[in-house]
């Protein structure tokens, strides 16, 4: 019982970490931050891609905060940030407009947090270690 409680507490720490990062970046996207506009222009997806990404991030945050949907939120978070990581590696670069890699490493942090949450809560998706 104690191990389950620790795992759930760790899951919530990871979920909240991912949520805080996603909330910050979705605010920048919705507010039309200069760097976000530049990024989505480089991806030929400005402004619709920026608004779509921000909306998906908002939905993901909500899913991560609702106990019954945490595993799905973690799946969405890992998918969204995988796309961001690939965009950085293929098109944008790790360092975007002198940000010292902040956006890339933030995406990487959400990706790792969400994968760990998925692992902890894999049973909620019907994924087990049973042979």
C-alpha atoms as a PDB file:
ATOM      1  CA  UNK A   1       0.000   0.000   0.000  1.00  0.00           C
ATOM      2  CA  UNK A   2       2.814   2.369   0.860  1.00  0.00           C
ATOM      3  CA  UNK A   3       4.540   1.885  -2.514  1.00  0.00           C
ATOM      4  CA  UNK A   4       1.305   2.706  -4.346  1.00  0.00           C
ATOM      5  CA  UNK A   5       0.941   5.940  -2.382  1.00  0.00           C
ATOM      6  CA  UNK A   6       4.532   6.956  -3.165  1.00  0.00           C
ATOM      7  CA  UNK A   7       4.018   6.220  -6.838  1.00  0.00           C
ATOM      8  CA  UNK A   8       0.833   8.278  -6.921  1.00  0.00           C
ATOM      9  CA  UNK A   9       2.476  11.171  -5.094  1.00  0.00           C
ATOM     10  CA  UNK A  10       5.393  11.042  -7.538  1.00  0.00           C
ATOM     11  CA  UNK A  11       2.906  10.922 -10.409  1.00  0.00           C
ATOM     12  CA  UNK A  12       1.173  14.067  -9.137  1.00  0.00           C
ATOM     13  CA  UNK A  13       4.509  15.880  -8.795  1.00  0.00           C
ATOM     14  CA  UNK A  14       5.305  14.965 -12.402  1.00  0.00           C
ATOM     15  CA  UNK A  15       1.815  15.928 -13.587  1.00  0.00           C
ATOM     16  CA  UNK A  16       1.962  19.319 -11.900  1.00  0.00           C
ATOM     17  CA  UNK A  17       5.442  19.967 -13.272  1.00  0.00           C
ATOM     18  CA  UNK A  18       4.234  19.212 -16.790  1.00  0.00           C
ATOM     19  CA  UNK A  19       1.121  21.352 -16.261  1.00  0.00           C
ATOM     20  CA  UNK A  20       3.114  24.372 -15.097  1.00  0.00           C
ATOM     21  CA  UNK A  21       5.403  24.201 -18.109  1.00  0.00           C
ATOM     22  CA  UNK A  22       2.494  23.704 -20.513  1.00  0.00           C
ATOM     23  CA  UNK A  23       0.508  26.557 -18.962  1.00  0.00           C
ATOM     24  CA  UNK A  24       3.420  28.921 -19.442  1.00  0.00           C
ATOM     25  CA  UNK A  25       3.951  27.990 -23.081  1.00  0.00           C
ATOM     26  CA  UNK A  26       0.249  27.982 -23.956  1.00  0.00           C
ATOM     27  CA  UNK A  27      -0.065  31.486 -22.491  1.00  0.00           C
ATOM     28  CA  UNK A  28       2.767  32.634 -24.768  1.00  0.00           C
ATOM     29  CA  UNK A  29       1.066  31.019 -27.749  1.00  0.00           C
ATOM     30  CA  UNK A  30      -2.367  32.518 -27.055  1.00  0.00           C
ATOM     31  CA  UNK A  31      -0.944  35.963 -26.301  1.00  0.00           C
ATOM     32  CA  UNK A  32       0.990  36.131 -29.568  1.00  0.00           C
ATOM     33  CA  UNK A  33       4.450  36.252 -28.015  1.00  0.00           C
ATOM     34  CA  UNK A  34       7.016  37.376 -30.592  1.00  0.00           C
ATOM     35  CA  UNK A  35       9.113  34.210 -30.289  1.00  0.00           C
ATOM     36  CA  UNK A  36       6.073  31.931 -30.607  1.00  0.00           C
ATOM     37  CA  UNK A  37       4.894  33.788 -33.689  1.00  0.00           C
ATOM     38  CA  UNK A  38       8.389  33.462 -35.180  1.00  0.00           C
ATOM     39  CA  UNK A  39       8.544  29.719 -34.382  1.00  0.00           C
ATOM     40  CA  UNK A  40       5.214  28.939 -36.020  1.00  0.00           C
ATOM     41  CA  UNK A  41       6.107  31.139 -39.001  1.00  0.00           C
ATOM     42  CA  UNK A  42       9.247  28.996 -39.450  1.00  0.00           C
ATOM     43  CA  UNK A  43       7.006  25.928 -39.417  1.00  0.00           C
ATOM     44  CA  UNK A  44       4.609  27.519 -41.954  1.00  0.00           C
ATOM     45  CA  UNK A  45       1.818  27.233 -39.386  1.00  0.00           C
ATOM     46  CA  UNK A  46       1.253  30.796 -38.182  1.00  0.00           C
ATOM     47  CA  UNK A  47      -1.296  31.642 -36.766  1.00  0.00           C
ATOM     48  CA  UNK A  48      -3.552  28.578 -36.984  1.00  0.00           C
ATOM     49  CA  UNK A  49      -0.847  26.133 -35.822  1.00  0.00           C
ATOM     50  CA  UNK A  50      -0.032  28.304 -32.818  1.00  0.00           C
ATOM     51  CA  UNK A  51      -3.682  28.517 -31.747  1.00  0.00           C
ATOM     52  CA  UNK A  52      -4.228  24.808 -32.349  1.00  0.00           C
ATOM     53  CA  UNK A  53      -1.125  23.881 -30.327  1.00  0.00           C
ATOM     54  CA  UNK A  54      -2.176  26.171 -27.465  1.00  0.00           C
ATOM     55  CA  UNK A  55      -5.681  24.707 -27.436  1.00  0.00           C
ATOM     56  CA  UNK A  56      -4.298  21.165 -27.411  1.00  0.00           C
ATOM     57  CA  UNK A  57      -1.965  22.107 -24.560  1.00  0.00           C
ATOM     58  CA  UNK A  58      -4.892  23.540 -22.590  1.00  0.00           C
ATOM     59  CA  UNK A  59      -6.892  20.336 -23.073  1.00  0.00           C
ATOM     60  CA  UNK A  60      -3.831  18.307 -22.063  1.00  0.00           C
ATOM     61  CA  UNK A  61      -3.407  20.314 -18.845  1.00  0.00           C
ATOM     62  CA  UNK A  62      -7.051  19.711 -17.950  1.00  0.00           C
ATOM     63  CA  UNK A  63      -6.695  15.980 -18.640  1.00  0.00           C
ATOM     64  CA  UNK A  64      -3.575  15.831 -16.445  1.00  0.00           C
ATOM     65  CA  UNK A  65      -5.457  17.438 -13.560  1.00  0.00           C
ATOM     66  CA  UNK A  66      -8.584  15.242 -13.652  1.00  0.00           C
ATOM     67  CA  UNK A  67      -7.847  11.970 -11.820  1.00  0.00           C
ATOM     68  CA  UNK A  68      -9.873   9.788 -14.224  1.00  0.00           C
ATOM     69  CA  UNK A  69      -8.086  11.166 -17.311  1.00  0.00           C
ATOM     70  CA  UNK A  70      -4.486  11.496 -16.109  1.00  0.00           C
ATOM     71  CA  UNK A  71      -3.150   8.650 -18.248  1.00  0.00           C
ATOM     72  CA  UNK A  72      -4.764  10.098 -21.374  1.00  0.00           C
ATOM     73  CA  UNK A  73      -3.388  13.528 -20.504  1.00  0.00           C
ATOM     74  CA  UNK A  74       0.086  12.046 -20.155  1.00  0.00           C
ATOM     75  CA  UNK A  75      -0.303  10.364 -23.544  1.00  0.00           C
ATOM     76  CA  UNK A  76      -1.354  13.666 -25.146  1.00  0.00           C
ATOM     77  CA  UNK A  77       1.472  15.543 -23.394  1.00  0.00           C
ATOM     78  CA  UNK A  78       4.058  13.072 -24.644  1.00  0.00           C
ATOM     79  CA  UNK A  79       2.642  13.260 -28.176  1.00  0.00           C
ATOM     80  CA  UNK A  80       2.550  17.063 -28.261  1.00  0.00           C
ATOM     81  CA  UNK A  81       6.029  17.459 -26.895  1.00  0.00           C
ATOM     82  CA  UNK A  82       7.412  14.748 -29.179  1.00  0.00           C
ATOM     83  CA  UNK A  83       6.235  16.934 -32.057  1.00  0.00           C
ATOM     84  CA  UNK A  84       7.870  19.987 -30.490  1.00  0.00           C
ATOM     85  CA  UNK A  85      11.139  18.115 -29.931  1.00  0.00           C
ATOM     86  CA  UNK A  86      11.209  16.881 -33.533  1.00  0.00           C
ATOM     87  CA  UNK A  87      10.465  20.417 -34.766  1.00  0.00           C
ATOM     88  CA  UNK A  88      13.398  21.727 -32.760  1.00  0.00           C
ATOM     89  CA  UNK A  89      15.768  19.013 -33.952  1.00  0.00           C
ATOM     90  CA  UNK A  90      14.759  19.143 -37.628  1.00  0.00           C
ATOM     91  CA  UNK A  91      13.806  22.748 -38.343  1.00  0.00           C
ATOM     92  CA  UNK A  92      14.219  25.211 -35.488  1.00  0.00           C
ATOM     93  CA  UNK A  93      17.371  24.141 -33.690  1.00  0.00           C
ATOM     94  CA  UNK A  94      17.815  23.628 -29.985  1.00  0.00           C
ATOM     95  CA  UNK A  95      18.576  27.298 -29.357  1.00  0.00           C
ATOM     96  CA  UNK A  96      15.753  29.499 -30.639  1.00  0.00           C
ATOM     97  CA  UNK A  97      16.441  33.213 -30.846  1.00  0.00           C
ATOM     98  CA  UNK A  98      18.964  33.236 -27.995  1.00  0.00           C
ATOM     99  CA  UNK A  99      16.751  31.359 -25.515  1.00  0.00           C
ATOM    100  CA  UNK A 100      19.683  29.147 -24.353  1.00  0.00           C
ATOM    101  CA  UNK A 101      17.585  26.107 -25.232  1.00  0.00           C
ATOM    102  CA  UNK A 102      14.800  26.957 -22.781  1.00  0.00           C
ATOM    103  CA  UNK A 103      11.934  25.954 -25.100  1.00  0.00           C
ATOM    104  CA  UNK A 104      13.639  22.756 -26.250  1.00  0.00           C
ATOM    105  CA  UNK A 105      14.548  21.643 -22.739  1.00  0.00           C
ATOM    106  CA  UNK A 106      11.083  22.574 -21.462  1.00  0.00           C
ATOM    107  CA  UNK A 107       9.558  20.307 -24.113  1.00  0.00           C
ATOM    108  CA  UNK A 108      12.025  17.600 -23.159  1.00  0.00           C
ATOM    109  CA  UNK A 109      11.078  17.963 -19.469  1.00  0.00           C
ATOM    110  CA  UNK A 110       7.348  17.632 -20.234  1.00  0.00           C
ATOM    111  CA  UNK A 111       8.093  14.640 -22.467  1.00  0.00           C
ATOM    112  CA  UNK A 112      10.040  12.837 -19.716  1.00  0.00           C
ATOM    113  CA  UNK A 113       7.462  13.738 -17.033  1.00  0.00           C
ATOM    114  CA  UNK A 114       4.603  12.478 -19.188  1.00  0.00           C
ATOM    115  CA  UNK A 115       6.382   9.218 -20.051  1.00  0.00           C
ATOM    116  CA  UNK A 116       7.011   8.588 -16.353  1.00  0.00           C
ATOM    117  CA  UNK A 117       3.358   9.323 -15.563  1.00  0.00           C
ATOM    118  CA  UNK A 118       2.344   6.920 -18.323  1.00  0.00           C
ATOM    119  CA  UNK A 119       4.569   4.254 -16.800  1.00  0.00           C
ATOM    120  CA  UNK A 120       3.213   4.803 -13.288  1.00  0.00           C
ATOM    121  CA  UNK A 121      -0.401   4.820 -14.504  1.00  0.00           C
ATOM    122  CA  UNK A 122      -0.114   2.236 -17.277  1.00  0.00           C
ATOM    123  CA  UNK A 123      -2.721   0.077 -15.557  1.00  0.00           C
ATOM    124  CA  UNK A 124      -5.306   2.818 -16.188  1.00  0.00           C
ATOM    125  CA  UNK A 125      -4.761   2.280 -19.911  1.00  0.00           C
ATOM    126  CA  UNK A 126      -4.974  -1.490 -19.608  1.00  0.00           C
ATOM    127  CA  UNK A 127      -1.191  -1.918 -19.996  1.00  0.00           C
ATOM    128  CA  UNK A 128       0.330  -4.345 -17.510  1.00  0.00           C
ATOM    129  CA  UNK A 129       3.438  -6.446 -17.126  1.00  0.00           C
ATOM    130  CA  UNK A 130       1.443  -9.685 -17.190  1.00  0.00           C
ATOM    131  CA  UNK A 131       2.625 -12.177 -19.785  1.00  0.00           C
END
